[in-house]
Amino acid sequence: MVDYELNELKREFLDEAREKVVEMETAAESFREQTAIDRLAYLAHQLKGSGGSYGYQRISTEAAELEKLVESIAEGTTSTDDGERIRQYVVNLRVEIDRAAAEL
C-alpha cells in the first residue's frame, strides 16, 4: 500500500472518529442513563482499538481512559465530577482528532 492509500484510510478513520465524538457529546449529556453509558463505552472502545491500529496513540489512550471511566460508572462507582470528566475526555478526543487531521 502506498502512502496515499494509507493517508486516505486515515482520513476516513478521522472522519468517522469525528462522527463518534459528536455522538459521544450527545450521550455525555445524559450519562446517568444506562443507554448513554452503554453507548459511550461502545464508542470509546471502538476509538481505542482503531486509533491504535492507525497509529494514533493519543486518541487510543484518551478513548481507553473514557472507556474505563464509563465502565466504573456502569458498575456503580460514581463521583460528583463524572459528567465533567466525561466531557473533558470527549473534548480531548476532538482535539486529538483535529490535530491528527491537520497533520495529514
N, C-alpha and C. Protein backbone atom coordinates (compact mmCIF):
# COMPACT_ATOMS: atom_id res chain seq x y z
N MET A 1 0.85 -1.18 0.00
CA MET A 1 0.00 0.00 0.00
C MET A 1 0.90 1.24 0.00
N VAL A 2 0.61 2.14 -0.87
CA VAL A 2 1.39 3.37 -0.92
C VAL A 2 0.89 4.36 0.13
N ASP A 3 1.72 5.35 0.41
CA ASP A 3 1.37 6.33 1.43
C ASP A 3 0.04 7.01 1.16
N TYR A 4 -0.25 7.28 -0.12
CA TYR A 4 -1.50 7.94 -0.45
C TYR A 4 -2.69 7.11 0.02
N GLU A 5 -2.63 5.81 -0.22
CA GLU A 5 -3.75 4.94 0.18
C GLU A 5 -3.89 4.89 1.70
N LEU A 6 -2.77 4.79 2.38
CA LEU A 6 -2.81 4.77 3.84
C LEU A 6 -3.34 6.10 4.38
N ASN A 7 -2.90 7.20 3.81
CA ASN A 7 -3.41 8.51 4.25
C ASN A 7 -4.90 8.64 3.99
N GLU A 8 -5.37 8.08 2.89
CA GLU A 8 -6.82 8.12 2.61
C GLU A 8 -7.58 7.31 3.66
N LEU A 9 -7.07 6.15 4.03
CA LEU A 9 -7.70 5.35 5.08
C LEU A 9 -7.69 6.10 6.42
N LYS A 10 -6.59 6.78 6.70
CA LYS A 10 -6.53 7.56 7.93
C LYS A 10 -7.55 8.70 7.92
N ARG A 11 -7.71 9.36 6.77
CA ARG A 11 -8.72 10.43 6.67
C ARG A 11 -10.12 9.88 6.92
N GLU A 12 -10.41 8.73 6.34
CA GLU A 12 -11.71 8.10 6.55
C GLU A 12 -11.91 7.78 8.03
N PHE A 13 -10.87 7.23 8.66
CA PHE A 13 -10.96 6.93 10.09
C PHE A 13 -11.24 8.20 10.89
N LEU A 14 -10.50 9.26 10.60
CA LEU A 14 -10.67 10.50 11.35
C LEU A 14 -12.05 11.10 11.13
N ASP A 15 -12.59 11.00 9.91
CA ASP A 15 -13.95 11.48 9.66
C ASP A 15 -14.96 10.69 10.50
N GLU A 16 -14.79 9.37 10.52
CA GLU A 16 -15.69 8.54 11.33
C GLU A 16 -15.50 8.81 12.82
N ALA A 17 -14.26 9.07 13.22
CA ALA A 17 -13.98 9.37 14.62
C ALA A 17 -14.68 10.66 15.04
N ARG A 18 -14.68 11.65 14.16
CA ARG A 18 -15.40 12.91 14.45
C ARG A 18 -16.88 12.64 14.68
N GLU A 19 -17.47 11.78 13.84
CA GLU A 19 -18.88 11.44 13.99
C GLU A 19 -19.13 10.76 15.34
N LYS A 20 -18.22 9.90 15.74
CA LYS A 20 -18.34 9.23 17.03
C LYS A 20 -18.26 10.24 18.17
N VAL A 21 -17.38 11.22 18.04
CA VAL A 21 -17.24 12.23 19.08
C VAL A 21 -18.52 13.06 19.20
N VAL A 22 -19.13 13.38 18.09
CA VAL A 22 -20.41 14.11 18.12
C VAL A 22 -21.45 13.28 18.88
N GLU A 23 -21.49 11.99 18.59
CA GLU A 23 -22.43 11.12 19.29
C GLU A 23 -22.08 11.03 20.79
N MET A 24 -20.79 11.01 21.09
CA MET A 24 -20.37 10.98 22.49
C MET A 24 -20.80 12.24 23.22
N GLU A 25 -20.70 13.39 22.55
CA GLU A 25 -21.12 14.65 23.18
C GLU A 25 -22.59 14.58 23.57
N THR A 26 -23.39 14.02 22.70
CA THR A 26 -24.82 13.88 22.99
C THR A 26 -25.04 12.91 24.15
N ALA A 27 -24.37 11.78 24.12
CA ALA A 27 -24.53 10.79 25.18
C ALA A 27 -24.03 11.32 26.52
N ALA A 28 -23.00 12.14 26.49
CA ALA A 28 -22.44 12.69 27.72
C ALA A 28 -23.45 13.54 28.48
N GLU A 29 -24.38 14.13 27.75
CA GLU A 29 -25.39 14.97 28.40
C GLU A 29 -26.34 14.16 29.28
N SER A 30 -26.49 12.88 28.99
CA SER A 30 -27.39 12.04 29.80
C SER A 30 -26.63 10.82 30.32
N PHE A 31 -25.40 11.07 30.79
CA PHE A 31 -24.50 9.98 31.18
C PHE A 31 -25.01 9.14 32.34
N ARG A 32 -26.00 9.59 33.05
CA ARG A 32 -26.55 8.81 34.18
C ARG A 32 -27.52 7.73 33.69
N GLU A 33 -27.92 7.80 32.44
CA GLU A 33 -28.83 6.79 31.88
C GLU A 33 -28.01 5.63 31.33
N GLN A 34 -28.50 4.42 31.55
CA GLN A 34 -27.75 3.24 31.15
C GLN A 34 -27.50 3.19 29.65
N THR A 35 -28.47 3.59 28.84
CA THR A 35 -28.25 3.54 27.39
C THR A 35 -27.13 4.49 26.96
N ALA A 36 -27.04 5.64 27.61
CA ALA A 36 -25.96 6.59 27.29
C ALA A 36 -24.61 6.03 27.72
N ILE A 37 -24.56 5.43 28.89
CA ILE A 37 -23.32 4.83 29.38
C ILE A 37 -22.88 3.71 28.45
N ASP A 38 -23.83 2.86 28.05
CA ASP A 38 -23.51 1.76 27.13
C ASP A 38 -22.96 2.29 25.81
N ARG A 39 -23.58 3.34 25.30
CA ARG A 39 -23.15 3.91 24.02
C ARG A 39 -21.77 4.55 24.15
N LEU A 40 -21.55 5.29 25.23
CA LEU A 40 -20.23 5.89 25.46
C LEU A 40 -19.14 4.81 25.54
N ALA A 41 -19.42 3.75 26.26
CA ALA A 41 -18.44 2.67 26.38
C ALA A 41 -18.15 2.03 25.03
N TYR A 42 -19.19 1.80 24.26
CA TYR A 42 -19.04 1.19 22.94
C TYR A 42 -18.21 2.08 22.00
N LEU A 43 -18.56 3.35 21.94
CA LEU A 43 -17.84 4.27 21.05
C LEU A 43 -16.39 4.45 21.50
N ALA A 44 -16.17 4.56 22.81
CA ALA A 44 -14.81 4.70 23.32
C ALA A 44 -13.99 3.45 22.99
N HIS A 45 -14.60 2.29 23.14
CA HIS A 45 -13.91 1.04 22.83
C HIS A 45 -13.51 0.99 21.36
N GLN A 46 -14.41 1.41 20.49
CA GLN A 46 -14.09 1.44 19.06
C GLN A 46 -12.92 2.37 18.76
N LEU A 47 -12.95 3.57 19.32
CA LEU A 47 -11.87 4.53 19.08
C LEU A 47 -10.55 4.05 19.69
N LYS A 48 -10.64 3.39 20.82
CA LYS A 48 -9.44 2.87 21.46
C LYS A 48 -8.73 1.89 20.52
N GLY A 49 -9.46 0.97 19.96
CA GLY A 49 -8.87 -0.03 19.08
C GLY A 49 -8.43 0.52 17.75
N SER A 50 -9.31 1.27 17.09
CA SER A 50 -8.96 1.77 15.76
C SER A 50 -7.92 2.87 15.83
N GLY A 51 -7.95 3.68 16.86
CA GLY A 51 -6.95 4.73 16.98
C GLY A 51 -5.55 4.14 17.01
N GLY A 52 -5.37 3.10 17.80
CA GLY A 52 -4.08 2.44 17.87
C GLY A 52 -3.70 1.77 16.57
N SER A 53 -4.69 1.18 15.90
CA SER A 53 -4.41 0.49 14.62
C SER A 53 -3.90 1.46 13.56
N TYR A 54 -4.38 2.69 13.60
CA TYR A 54 -3.96 3.69 12.61
C TYR A 54 -2.75 4.51 13.07
N GLY A 55 -2.24 4.18 14.25
CA GLY A 55 -1.05 4.87 14.73
C GLY A 55 -1.34 6.13 15.53
N TYR A 56 -2.58 6.30 15.95
CA TYR A 56 -2.96 7.48 16.74
C TYR A 56 -3.05 7.10 18.21
N GLN A 57 -1.89 7.01 18.85
CA GLN A 57 -1.83 6.54 20.22
C GLN A 57 -2.57 7.47 21.19
N ARG A 58 -2.51 8.77 20.97
CA ARG A 58 -3.20 9.69 21.88
C ARG A 58 -4.70 9.49 21.82
N ILE A 59 -5.24 9.27 20.63
CA ILE A 59 -6.68 9.01 20.50
C ILE A 59 -7.01 7.72 21.24
N SER A 60 -6.20 6.71 21.04
CA SER A 60 -6.41 5.43 21.68
C SER A 60 -6.36 5.55 23.21
N THR A 61 -5.39 6.29 23.70
CA THR A 61 -5.23 6.45 25.15
C THR A 61 -6.40 7.21 25.76
N GLU A 62 -6.80 8.32 25.14
CA GLU A 62 -7.94 9.09 25.66
C GLU A 62 -9.21 8.23 25.65
N ALA A 63 -9.41 7.49 24.56
CA ALA A 63 -10.59 6.64 24.46
C ALA A 63 -10.56 5.53 25.52
N ALA A 64 -9.39 4.97 25.78
CA ALA A 64 -9.26 3.93 26.80
C ALA A 64 -9.61 4.48 28.18
N GLU A 65 -9.15 5.69 28.47
CA GLU A 65 -9.46 6.32 29.76
C GLU A 65 -10.97 6.60 29.89
N LEU A 66 -11.56 7.07 28.80
CA LEU A 66 -13.00 7.30 28.82
C LEU A 66 -13.75 5.99 29.02
N GLU A 67 -13.34 4.96 28.32
CA GLU A 67 -13.99 3.66 28.47
C GLU A 67 -13.91 3.18 29.91
N LYS A 68 -12.74 3.32 30.51
CA LYS A 68 -12.55 2.90 31.90
C LYS A 68 -13.48 3.68 32.84
N LEU A 69 -13.60 4.97 32.61
CA LEU A 69 -14.46 5.81 33.44
C LEU A 69 -15.92 5.39 33.32
N VAL A 70 -16.41 5.24 32.10
CA VAL A 70 -17.84 4.91 31.95
C VAL A 70 -18.13 3.49 32.44
N GLU A 71 -17.16 2.60 32.35
CA GLU A 71 -17.36 1.26 32.91
C GLU A 71 -17.47 1.32 34.43
N SER A 72 -16.69 2.19 35.06
CA SER A 72 -16.79 2.32 36.52
C SER A 72 -18.12 2.93 36.91
N ILE A 73 -18.63 3.85 36.09
CA ILE A 73 -19.95 4.42 36.36
C ILE A 73 -21.01 3.34 36.22
N ALA A 74 -20.88 2.50 35.20
CA ALA A 74 -21.84 1.42 34.98
C ALA A 74 -21.84 0.43 36.15
N GLU A 75 -20.70 0.27 36.78
CA GLU A 75 -20.58 -0.64 37.92
C GLU A 75 -21.06 0.00 39.22
N GLY A 76 -21.44 1.27 39.15
CA GLY A 76 -21.96 1.94 40.33
C GLY A 76 -20.96 2.79 41.07
N THR A 77 -19.74 2.85 40.59
CA THR A 77 -18.72 3.69 41.20
C THR A 77 -18.83 5.08 40.57
N THR A 78 -19.36 6.01 41.32
CA THR A 78 -19.56 7.34 40.76
C THR A 78 -18.98 8.41 41.67
N SER A 79 -18.77 9.56 41.08
CA SER A 79 -18.35 10.72 41.86
C SER A 79 -19.08 11.94 41.30
N THR A 80 -19.01 13.02 42.01
CA THR A 80 -19.76 14.22 41.62
C THR A 80 -19.26 14.85 40.34
N ASP A 81 -18.00 14.57 39.97
CA ASP A 81 -17.46 15.20 38.77
C ASP A 81 -17.43 14.27 37.54
N ASP A 82 -18.19 13.17 37.58
CA ASP A 82 -18.19 12.23 36.45
C ASP A 82 -18.57 12.89 35.14
N GLY A 83 -19.61 13.70 35.16
CA GLY A 83 -20.05 14.36 33.93
C GLY A 83 -18.97 15.25 33.35
N GLU A 84 -18.31 15.99 34.20
CA GLU A 84 -17.23 16.88 33.73
C GLU A 84 -16.05 16.07 33.20
N ARG A 85 -15.72 15.00 33.86
CA ARG A 85 -14.61 14.16 33.40
C ARG A 85 -14.94 13.54 32.04
N ILE A 86 -16.16 13.07 31.86
CA ILE A 86 -16.57 12.52 30.57
C ILE A 86 -16.44 13.59 29.49
N ARG A 87 -16.99 14.76 29.76
CA ARG A 87 -16.92 15.85 28.78
C ARG A 87 -15.48 16.22 28.44
N GLN A 88 -14.60 16.19 29.43
CA GLN A 88 -13.20 16.54 29.18
C GLN A 88 -12.53 15.50 28.28
N TYR A 89 -12.80 14.23 28.51
CA TYR A 89 -12.25 13.20 27.63
C TYR A 89 -12.76 13.37 26.20
N VAL A 90 -14.03 13.70 26.06
CA VAL A 90 -14.60 13.90 24.73
C VAL A 90 -13.95 15.11 24.05
N VAL A 91 -13.75 16.18 24.79
CA VAL A 91 -13.05 17.35 24.24
C VAL A 91 -11.63 16.97 23.83
N ASN A 92 -10.95 16.23 24.68
CA ASN A 92 -9.58 15.80 24.36
C ASN A 92 -9.56 14.97 23.08
N LEU A 93 -10.54 14.09 22.93
CA LEU A 93 -10.62 13.28 21.71
C LEU A 93 -10.81 14.16 20.48
N ARG A 94 -11.71 15.13 20.58
CA ARG A 94 -11.93 16.04 19.46
C ARG A 94 -10.64 16.78 19.09
N VAL A 95 -9.92 17.27 20.08
CA VAL A 95 -8.68 17.99 19.85
C VAL A 95 -7.66 17.08 19.16
N GLU A 96 -7.52 15.86 19.64
CA GLU A 96 -6.55 14.93 19.05
C GLU A 96 -6.93 14.55 17.62
N ILE A 97 -8.21 14.37 17.37
CA ILE A 97 -8.67 14.05 16.01
C ILE A 97 -8.38 15.22 15.08
N ASP A 98 -8.69 16.42 15.51
CA ASP A 98 -8.42 17.60 14.69
C ASP A 98 -6.92 17.79 14.44
N ARG A 99 -6.12 17.55 15.47
CA ARG A 99 -4.67 17.67 15.33
C ARG A 99 -4.14 16.64 14.33
N ALA A 100 -4.61 15.41 14.45
CA ALA A 100 -4.17 14.36 13.53
C ALA A 100 -4.57 14.67 12.09
N ALA A 101 -5.79 15.19 11.91
CA ALA A 101 -6.26 15.53 10.57
C ALA A 101 -5.42 16.65 9.98
N ALA A 102 -5.05 17.62 10.79
CA ALA A 102 -4.25 18.74 10.31
C ALA A 102 -2.84 18.29 9.88
N GLU A 103 -2.36 17.23 10.49
CA GLU A 103 -1.02 16.74 10.16
C GLU A 103 -0.99 15.87 8.90
N LEU A 104 -2.15 15.42 8.44
CA LEU A 104 -2.17 14.59 7.22
C LEU A 104 -1.92 15.40 5.97
